[in-house]
Amino acid sequence: MSEDLNAAIYFANPYHSWERGTNENTNGLVRRFFPKGTDFDTISEEQISEAQQKINNRPRKRLGFLSPIEAINLHQSQLNNVAFTT
């Protein structure tokens, strides 16, 4: 898969949470909506969608204080501009 994507793949070591910073940060954001031990059988799709929307629209320092949605849209527009100008 690494060769097909022309991308390096890295694996974090078990119990080394500092190797998974973004993942651990996102887990913390999810826990704000759904505390540890939450029974997801009692959570509606609407509640999950609301949490997802709020998390994905939250600015991130790592993305230059853009939200993930804004960063993706910016990246796509830059790709479109390159495609038309070359």
PDB file of N, CA and C in Angstrom:
ATOM      1  N   MET A   1       0.824  -1.181   0.000  1.00  0.00           N
ATOM      2  CA  MET A   1       0.000   0.000   0.000  1.00  0.00           C
ATOM      3  C   MET A   1       0.873   1.251   0.000  1.00  0.00           C
ATOM      4  N   SER A   2       1.965   1.244   0.740  1.00  0.00           N
ATOM      5  CA  SER A   2       2.865   2.388   0.801  1.00  0.00           C
ATOM      6  C   SER A   2       3.382   2.748  -0.586  1.00  0.00           C
ATOM      7  N   GLU A   3       3.739   1.736  -1.371  1.00  0.00           N
ATOM      8  CA  GLU A   3       4.233   1.980  -2.725  1.00  0.00           C
ATOM      9  C   GLU A   3       3.122   2.491  -3.632  1.00  0.00           C
ATOM     10  N   ASP A   4       1.922   1.927  -3.504  1.00  0.00           N
ATOM     11  CA  ASP A   4       0.794   2.353  -4.336  1.00  0.00           C
ATOM     12  C   ASP A   4       0.453   3.824  -4.102  1.00  0.00           C
ATOM     13  N   LEU A   5       0.540   4.258  -2.855  1.00  0.00           N
ATOM     14  CA  LEU A   5       0.205   5.637  -2.505  1.00  0.00           C
ATOM     15  C   LEU A   5       1.399   6.580  -2.596  1.00  0.00           C
ATOM     16  N   ASN A   6       2.587   6.010  -2.751  1.00  0.00           N
ATOM     17  CA  ASN A   6       3.820   6.786  -2.735  1.00  0.00           C
ATOM     18  C   ASN A   6       3.891   7.633  -1.455  1.00  0.00           C
ATOM     19  N   ALA A   7       3.599   6.968  -0.332  1.00  0.00           N
ATOM     20  CA  ALA A   7       3.583   7.637   0.967  1.00  0.00           C
ATOM     21  C   ALA A   7       4.169   6.699   2.022  1.00  0.00           C
ATOM     22  N   ALA A   8       4.890   7.298   2.953  1.00  0.00           N
ATOM     23  CA  ALA A   8       5.435   6.514   4.056  1.00  0.00           C
ATOM     24  C   ALA A   8       4.321   6.184   5.044  1.00  0.00           C
ATOM     25  N   ILE A   9       4.390   5.005   5.622  1.00  0.00           N
ATOM     26  CA  ILE A   9       3.415   4.587   6.626  1.00  0.00           C
ATOM     27  C   ILE A   9       4.167   4.329   7.926  1.00  0.00           C
ATOM     28  N   TYR A  10       3.659   4.902   9.004  1.00  0.00           N
ATOM     29  CA  TYR A  10       4.291   4.754  10.310  1.00  0.00           C
ATOM     30  C   TYR A  10       3.300   4.120  11.278  1.00  0.00           C
ATOM     31  N   PHE A  11       3.820   3.315  12.178  1.00  0.00           N
ATOM     32  CA  PHE A  11       2.989   2.687  13.195  1.00  0.00           C
ATOM     33  C   PHE A  11       3.488   3.125  14.564  1.00  0.00           C
ATOM     34  N   ALA A  12       2.556   3.508  15.424  1.00  0.00           N
ATOM     35  CA  ALA A  12       2.903   3.888  16.789  1.00  0.00           C
ATOM     36  C   ALA A  12       3.045   2.629  17.638  1.00  0.00           C
ATOM     37  N   ASN A  13       3.889   2.709  18.628  1.00  0.00           N
ATOM     38  CA  ASN A  13       4.065   1.598  19.550  1.00  0.00           C
ATOM     39  C   ASN A  13       2.898   1.539  20.531  1.00  0.00           C
ATOM     40  N   PRO A  14       2.507   0.332  20.934  1.00  0.00           N
ATOM     41  CA  PRO A  14       1.416   0.213  21.914  1.00  0.00           C
ATOM     42  C   PRO A  14       1.752   0.967  23.207  1.00  0.00           C
ATOM     43  N   TYR A  15       0.762   1.644  23.755  1.00  0.00           N
ATOM     44  CA  TYR A  15       0.863   2.376  25.027  1.00  0.00           C
ATOM     45  C   TYR A  15       1.812   3.571  24.958  1.00  0.00           C
ATOM     46  N   HIS A  16       2.114   4.057  23.771  1.00  0.00           N
ATOM     47  CA  HIS A  16       2.940   5.250  23.593  1.00  0.00           C
ATOM     48  C   HIS A  16       2.049   6.359  23.027  1.00  0.00           C
ATOM     49  N   SER A  17       1.162   6.890  23.861  1.00  0.00           N
ATOM     50  CA  SER A  17       0.183   7.869  23.391  1.00  0.00           C
ATOM     51  C   SER A  17       0.847   9.119  22.819  1.00  0.00           C
ATOM     52  N   TRP A  18       2.046   9.470  23.250  1.00  0.00           N
ATOM     53  CA  TRP A  18       2.737  10.646  22.745  1.00  0.00           C
ATOM     54  C   TRP A  18       3.128  10.488  21.277  1.00  0.00           C
ATOM     55  N   GLU A  19       3.076   9.280  20.754  1.00  0.00           N
ATOM     56  CA  GLU A  19       3.369   9.056  19.335  1.00  0.00           C
ATOM     57  C   GLU A  19       2.125   9.253  18.465  1.00  0.00           C
ATOM     58  N   ARG A  20       0.995   9.492  19.096  1.00  0.00           N
ATOM     59  CA  ARG A  20      -0.268   9.641  18.374  1.00  0.00           C
ATOM     60  C   ARG A  20      -0.960  10.934  18.802  1.00  0.00           C
ATOM     61  N   GLY A  21      -0.255  12.042  18.726  1.00  0.00           N
ATOM     62  CA  GLY A  21      -0.763  13.309  19.242  1.00  0.00           C
ATOM     63  C   GLY A  21      -2.120  13.713  18.699  1.00  0.00           C
ATOM     64  N   THR A  22      -2.270  13.723  17.379  1.00  0.00           N
ATOM     65  CA  THR A  22      -3.538  14.147  16.785  1.00  0.00           C
ATOM     66  C   THR A  22      -4.659  13.210  17.178  1.00  0.00           C
ATOM     67  N   ASN A  23      -4.370  11.914  17.186  1.00  0.00           N
ATOM     68  CA  ASN A  23      -5.375  10.928  17.568  1.00  0.00           C
ATOM     69  C   ASN A  23      -5.817  11.130  19.010  1.00  0.00           C
ATOM     70  N   GLU A  24      -4.863  11.324  19.906  1.00  0.00           N
ATOM     71  CA  GLU A  24      -5.191  11.507  21.320  1.00  0.00           C
ATOM     72  C   GLU A  24      -5.959  12.814  21.538  1.00  0.00           C
ATOM     73  N   ASN A  25      -5.584  13.861  20.805  1.00  0.00           N
ATOM     74  CA  ASN A  25      -6.303  15.132  20.913  1.00  0.00           C
ATOM     75  C   ASN A  25      -7.748  14.963  20.445  1.00  0.00           C
ATOM     76  N   THR A  26      -7.930  14.264  19.339  1.00  0.00           N
ATOM     77  CA  THR A  26      -9.282  14.039  18.818  1.00  0.00           C
ATOM     78  C   THR A  26     -10.096  13.189  19.780  1.00  0.00           C
ATOM     79  N   ASN A  27      -9.480  12.192  20.377  1.00  0.00           N
ATOM     80  CA  ASN A  27     -10.188  11.391  21.389  1.00  0.00           C
ATOM     81  C   ASN A  27     -10.678  12.278  22.524  1.00  0.00           C
ATOM     82  N   GLY A  28      -9.852  13.230  22.946  1.00  0.00           N
ATOM     83  CA  GLY A  28     -10.247  14.155  24.008  1.00  0.00           C
ATOM     84  C   GLY A  28     -11.434  15.012  23.599  1.00  0.00           C
ATOM     85  N   LEU A  29     -11.456  15.442  22.337  1.00  0.00           N
ATOM     86  CA  LEU A  29     -12.587  16.231  21.848  1.00  0.00           C
ATOM     87  C   LEU A  29     -13.857  15.390  21.830  1.00  0.00           C
ATOM     88  N   VAL A  30     -13.750  14.159  21.398  1.00  0.00           N
ATOM     89  CA  VAL A  30     -14.916  13.261  21.373  1.00  0.00           C
ATOM     90  C   VAL A  30     -15.425  13.029  22.788  1.00  0.00           C
ATOM     91  N   ARG A  31     -14.519  12.884  23.749  1.00  0.00           N
ATOM     92  CA  ARG A  31     -14.907  12.626  25.144  1.00  0.00           C
ATOM     93  C   ARG A  31     -15.664  13.800  25.757  1.00  0.00           C
ATOM     94  N   ARG A  32     -15.499  14.999  25.204  1.00  0.00           N
ATOM     95  CA  ARG A  32     -16.278  16.139  25.695  1.00  0.00           C
ATOM     96  C   ARG A  32     -17.765  15.942  25.423  1.00  0.00           C
ATOM     97  N   PHE A  33     -18.063  15.273  24.329  1.00  0.00           N
ATOM     98  CA  PHE A  33     -19.456  15.006  23.961  1.00  0.00           C
ATOM     99  C   PHE A  33     -19.953  13.692  24.545  1.00  0.00           C
ATOM    100  N   PHE A  34     -19.064  12.697  24.572  1.00  0.00           N
ATOM    101  CA  PHE A  34     -19.441  11.354  25.012  1.00  0.00           C
ATOM    102  C   PHE A  34     -18.409  10.860  26.023  1.00  0.00           C
ATOM    103  N   PRO A  35     -18.644  11.076  27.306  1.00  0.00           N
ATOM    104  CA  PRO A  35     -17.683  10.669  28.340  1.00  0.00           C
ATOM    105  C   PRO A  35     -17.387   9.168  28.287  1.00  0.00           C
ATOM    106  N   LYS A  36     -16.238   8.815  28.799  1.00  0.00           N
ATOM    107  CA  LYS A  36     -15.842   7.410  28.860  1.00  0.00           C
ATOM    108  C   LYS A  36     -16.939   6.605  29.565  1.00  0.00           C
ATOM    109  N   GLY A  37     -17.251   5.464  29.010  1.00  0.00           N
ATOM    110  CA  GLY A  37     -18.284   4.619  29.582  1.00  0.00           C
ATOM    111  C   GLY A  37     -19.666   4.874  28.997  1.00  0.00           C
ATOM    112  N   THR A  38     -19.772   5.833  28.068  1.00  0.00           N
ATOM    113  CA  THR A  38     -21.068   6.134  27.441  1.00  0.00           C
ATOM    114  C   THR A  38     -21.564   4.917  26.673  1.00  0.00           C
ATOM    115  N   ASP A  39     -22.826   4.607  26.835  1.00  0.00           N
ATOM    116  CA  ASP A  39     -23.454   3.516  26.092  1.00  0.00           C
ATOM    117  C   ASP A  39     -23.933   4.080  24.758  1.00  0.00           C
ATOM    118  N   PHE A  40     -23.230   3.734  23.679  1.00  0.00           N
ATOM    119  CA  PHE A  40     -23.551   4.299  22.371  1.00  0.00           C
ATOM    120  C   PHE A  40     -24.847   3.748  21.796  1.00  0.00           C
ATOM    121  N   ASP A  41     -25.399   2.735  22.414  1.00  0.00           N
ATOM    122  CA  ASP A  41     -26.724   2.261  21.993  1.00  0.00           C
ATOM    123  C   ASP A  41     -27.806   3.287  22.347  1.00  0.00           C
ATOM    124  N   THR A  42     -27.486   4.189  23.286  1.00  0.00           N
ATOM    125  CA  THR A  42     -28.461   5.199  23.710  1.00  0.00           C
ATOM    126  C   THR A  42     -28.243   6.544  23.006  1.00  0.00           C
ATOM    127  N   ILE A  43     -27.233   6.625  22.150  1.00  0.00           N
ATOM    128  CA  ILE A  43     -26.898   7.868  21.455  1.00  0.00           C
ATOM    129  C   ILE A  43     -27.541   7.852  20.070  1.00  0.00           C
ATOM    130  N   SER A  44     -28.218   8.938  19.722  1.00  0.00           N
ATOM    131  CA  SER A  44     -28.886   9.015  18.415  1.00  0.00           C
ATOM    132  C   SER A  44     -27.895   9.435  17.330  1.00  0.00           C
ATOM    133  N   GLU A  45     -28.249   9.143  16.093  1.00  0.00           N
ATOM    134  CA  GLU A  45     -27.446   9.576  14.940  1.00  0.00           C
ATOM    135  C   GLU A  45     -27.349  11.099  14.919  1.00  0.00           C
ATOM    136  N   GLU A  46     -28.416  11.770  15.341  1.00  0.00           N
ATOM    137  CA  GLU A  46     -28.424  13.232  15.380  1.00  0.00           C
ATOM    138  C   GLU A  46     -27.383  13.754  16.363  1.00  0.00           C
ATOM    139  N   GLN A  47     -27.268  13.125  17.534  1.00  0.00           N
ATOM    140  CA  GLN A  47     -26.262  13.543  18.525  1.00  0.00           C
ATOM    141  C   GLN A  47     -24.850  13.318  17.991  1.00  0.00           C
ATOM    142  N   ILE A  48     -24.638  12.211  17.316  1.00  0.00           N
ATOM    143  CA  ILE A  48     -23.319  11.925  16.734  1.00  0.00           C
ATOM    144  C   ILE A  48     -23.008  12.938  15.644  1.00  0.00           C
ATOM    145  N   SER A  49     -23.967  13.238  14.786  1.00  0.00           N
ATOM    146  CA  SER A  49     -23.770  14.211  13.704  1.00  0.00           C
ATOM    147  C   SER A  49     -23.460  15.595  14.260  1.00  0.00           C
ATOM    148  N   GLU A  50     -24.137  15.979  15.337  1.00  0.00           N
ATOM    149  CA  GLU A  50     -23.880  17.281  15.949  1.00  0.00           C
ATOM    150  C   GLU A  50     -22.456  17.349  16.510  1.00  0.00           C
ATOM    151  N   ALA A  51     -22.032  16.303  17.211  1.00  0.00           N
ATOM    152  CA  ALA A  51     -20.670  16.270  17.745  1.00  0.00           C
ATOM    153  C   ALA A  51     -19.655  16.297  16.609  1.00  0.00           C
ATOM    154  N   GLN A  52     -19.896  15.526  15.580  1.00  0.00           N
ATOM    155  CA  GLN A  52     -19.003  15.473  14.423  1.00  0.00           C
ATOM    156  C   GLN A  52     -18.885  16.849  13.773  1.00  0.00           C
ATOM    157  N   GLN A  53     -19.999  17.527  13.596  1.00  0.00           N
ATOM    158  CA  GLN A  53     -20.004  18.850  12.983  1.00  0.00           C
ATOM    159  C   GLN A  53     -19.212  19.837  13.835  1.00  0.00           C
ATOM    160  N   LYS A  54     -19.415  19.816  15.136  1.00  0.00           N
ATOM    161  CA  LYS A  54     -18.703  20.747  16.016  1.00  0.00           C
ATOM    162  C   LYS A  54     -17.201  20.460  16.041  1.00  0.00           C
ATOM    163  N   ILE A  55     -16.824  19.191  16.065  1.00  0.00           N
ATOM    164  CA  ILE A  55     -15.399  18.828  16.085  1.00  0.00           C
ATOM    165  C   ILE A  55     -14.732  19.213  14.766  1.00  0.00           C
ATOM    166  N   ASN A  56     -15.390  18.926  13.639  1.00  0.00           N
ATOM    167  CA  ASN A  56     -14.791  19.203  12.334  1.00  0.00           C
ATOM    168  C   ASN A  56     -14.764  20.683  11.981  1.00  0.00           C
ATOM    169  N   ASN A  57     -15.528  21.506  12.687  1.00  0.00           N
ATOM    170  CA  ASN A  57     -15.520  22.945  12.433  1.00  0.00           C
ATOM    171  C   ASN A  57     -14.751  23.716  13.497  1.00  0.00           C
ATOM    172  N   ARG A  58     -14.053  23.005  14.364  1.00  0.00           N
ATOM    173  CA  ARG A  58     -13.259  23.636  15.428  1.00  0.00           C
ATOM    174  C   ARG A  58     -11.870  23.964  14.891  1.00  0.00           C
ATOM    175  N   PRO A  59     -11.423  25.222  14.996  1.00  0.00           N
ATOM    176  CA  PRO A  59     -10.081  25.577  14.510  1.00  0.00           C
ATOM    177  C   PRO A  59      -8.991  24.795  15.235  1.00  0.00           C
ATOM    178  N   ARG A  60      -7.941  24.465  14.511  1.00  0.00           N
ATOM    179  CA  ARG A  60      -6.812  23.720  15.065  1.00  0.00           C
ATOM    180  C   ARG A  60      -5.512  24.498  14.872  1.00  0.00           C
ATOM    181  N   LYS A  61      -4.731  24.606  15.921  1.00  0.00           N
ATOM    182  CA  LYS A  61      -3.444  25.285  15.845  1.00  0.00           C
ATOM    183  C   LYS A  61      -2.584  24.646  14.757  1.00  0.00           C
ATOM    184  N   ARG A  62      -2.590  23.323  14.702  1.00  0.00           N
ATOM    185  CA  ARG A  62      -1.779  22.566  13.742  1.00  0.00           C
ATOM    186  C   ARG A  62      -2.118  22.916  12.298  1.00  0.00           C
ATOM    187  N   LEU A  63      -3.334  23.406  12.070  1.00  0.00           N
ATOM    188  CA  LEU A  63      -3.776  23.765  10.719  1.00  0.00           C
ATOM    189  C   LEU A  63      -3.772  25.280  10.504  1.00  0.00           C
ATOM    190  N   GLY A  64      -2.953  25.987  11.287  1.00  0.00           N
ATOM    191  CA  GLY A  64      -2.897  27.440  11.157  1.00  0.00           C
ATOM    192  C   GLY A  64      -4.184  28.104  11.596  1.00  0.00           C
ATOM    193  N   PHE A  65      -4.836  27.502  12.574  1.00  0.00           N
ATOM    194  CA  PHE A  65      -6.092  27.970  13.148  1.00  0.00           C
ATOM    195  C   PHE A  65      -7.251  27.925  12.150  1.00  0.00           C
ATOM    196  N   LEU A  66      -7.131  27.048  11.160  1.00  0.00           N
ATOM    197  CA  LEU A  66      -8.256  26.721  10.295  1.00  0.00           C
ATOM    198  C   LEU A  66      -8.932  25.486  10.871  1.00  0.00           C
ATOM    199  N   SER A  67     -10.194  25.318  10.572  1.00  0.00           N
ATOM    200  CA  SER A  67     -10.866  24.074  10.944  1.00  0.00           C
ATOM    201  C   SER A  67     -10.474  23.013   9.924  1.00  0.00           C
ATOM    202  N   PRO A  68     -10.623  21.731  10.247  1.00  0.00           N
ATOM    203  CA  PRO A  68     -10.319  20.691   9.258  1.00  0.00           C
ATOM    204  C   PRO A  68     -11.092  20.888   7.949  1.00  0.00           C
ATOM    205  N   ILE A  69     -12.339  21.283   8.033  1.00  0.00           N
ATOM    206  CA  ILE A  69     -13.140  21.516   6.829  1.00  0.00           C
ATOM    207  C   ILE A  69     -12.535  22.651   6.002  1.00  0.00           C
ATOM    208  N   GLU A  70     -12.150  23.740   6.665  1.00  0.00           N
ATOM    209  CA  GLU A  70     -11.546  24.876   5.953  1.00  0.00           C
ATOM    210  C   GLU A  70     -10.220  24.480   5.322  1.00  0.00           C
ATOM    211  N   ALA A  71      -9.422  23.691   6.038  1.00  0.00           N
ATOM    212  CA  ALA A  71      -8.127  23.256   5.506  1.00  0.00           C
ATOM    213  C   ALA A  71      -8.310  22.377   4.270  1.00  0.00           C
ATOM    214  N   ILE A  72      -9.273  21.474   4.304  1.00  0.00           N
ATOM    215  CA  ILE A  72      -9.536  20.617   3.146  1.00  0.00           C
ATOM    216  C   ILE A  72     -10.010  21.458   1.967  1.00  0.00           C
ATOM    217  N   ASN A  73     -10.938  22.383   2.217  1.00  0.00           N
ATOM    218  CA  ASN A  73     -11.439  23.242   1.141  1.00  0.00           C
ATOM    219  C   ASN A  73     -10.330  24.095   0.540  1.00  0.00           C
ATOM    220  N   LEU A  74      -9.452  24.631   1.385  1.00  0.00           N
ATOM    221  CA  LEU A  74      -8.319  25.427   0.912  1.00  0.00           C
ATOM    222  C   LEU A  74      -7.397  24.574   0.053  1.00  0.00           C
ATOM    223  N   HIS A  75      -7.095  23.386   0.526  1.00  0.00           N
ATOM    224  CA  HIS A  75      -6.220  22.473  -0.214  1.00  0.00           C
ATOM    225  C   HIS A  75      -6.830  22.119  -1.571  1.00  0.00           C
ATOM    226  N   GLN A  76      -8.120  21.825  -1.590  1.00  0.00           N
ATOM    227  CA  GLN A  76      -8.791  21.484  -2.850  1.00  0.00           C
ATOM    228  C   GLN A  76      -8.788  22.665  -3.809  1.00  0.00           C
ATOM    229  N   SER A  77      -9.020  23.875  -3.310  1.00  0.00           N
ATOM    230  CA  SER A  77      -9.013  25.034  -4.201  1.00  0.00           C
ATOM    231  C   SER A  77      -7.619  25.291  -4.756  1.00  0.00           C
ATOM    232  N   GLN A  78      -6.585  25.051  -3.945  1.00  0.00           N
ATOM    233  CA  GLN A  78      -5.213  25.204  -4.439  1.00  0.00           C
ATOM    234  C   GLN A  78      -4.906  24.170  -5.516  1.00  0.00           C
ATOM    235  N   LEU A  79      -5.377  22.940  -5.329  1.00  0.00           N
ATOM    236  CA  LEU A  79      -5.184  21.911  -6.349  1.00  0.00           C
ATOM    237  C   LEU A  79      -5.910  22.282  -7.634  1.00  0.00           C
ATOM    238  N   ASN A  80      -7.130  22.813  -7.510  1.00  0.00           N
ATOM    239  CA  ASN A  80      -7.884  23.231  -8.694  1.00  0.00           C
ATOM    240  C   ASN A  80      -7.188  24.367  -9.430  1.00  0.00           C
ATOM    241  N   ASN A  81      -6.620  25.326  -8.695  1.00  0.00           N
ATOM    242  CA  ASN A  81      -5.913  26.443  -9.312  1.00  0.00           C
ATOM    243  C   ASN A  81      -4.678  25.956 -10.050  1.00  0.00           C
ATOM    244  N   VAL A  82      -3.966  25.002  -9.497  1.00  0.00           N
ATOM    245  CA  VAL A  82      -2.769  24.468 -10.152  1.00  0.00           C
ATOM    246  C   VAL A  82      -3.172  23.733 -11.431  1.00  0.00           C
ATOM    247  N   ALA A  83      -4.260  22.981 -11.358  1.00  0.00           N
ATOM    248  CA  ALA A  83      -4.714  22.198 -12.524  1.00  0.00           C
ATOM    249  C   ALA A  83      -5.070  23.121 -13.682  1.00  0.00           C
ATOM    250  N   PHE A  84      -5.629  24.306 -13.406  1.00  0.00           N
ATOM    251  CA  PHE A  84      -6.052  25.185 -14.475  1.00  0.00           C
ATOM    252  C   PHE A  84      -4.944  26.102 -14.969  1.00  0.00           C
ATOM    253  N   THR A  85      -3.921  26.332 -14.156  1.00  0.00           N
ATOM    254  CA  THR A  85      -2.863  27.273 -14.546  1.00  0.00           C
ATOM    255  C   THR A  85      -1.690  26.600 -15.223  1.00  0.00           C
ATOM    256  N   THR A  86      -1.625  25.277 -15.243  1.00  0.00           N
ATOM    257  CA  THR A  86      -0.490  24.612 -15.878  1.00  0.00           C
ATOM    258  C   THR A  86      -0.831  24.120 -17.248  1.00  0.00           C
TER     259      THR A  86
END
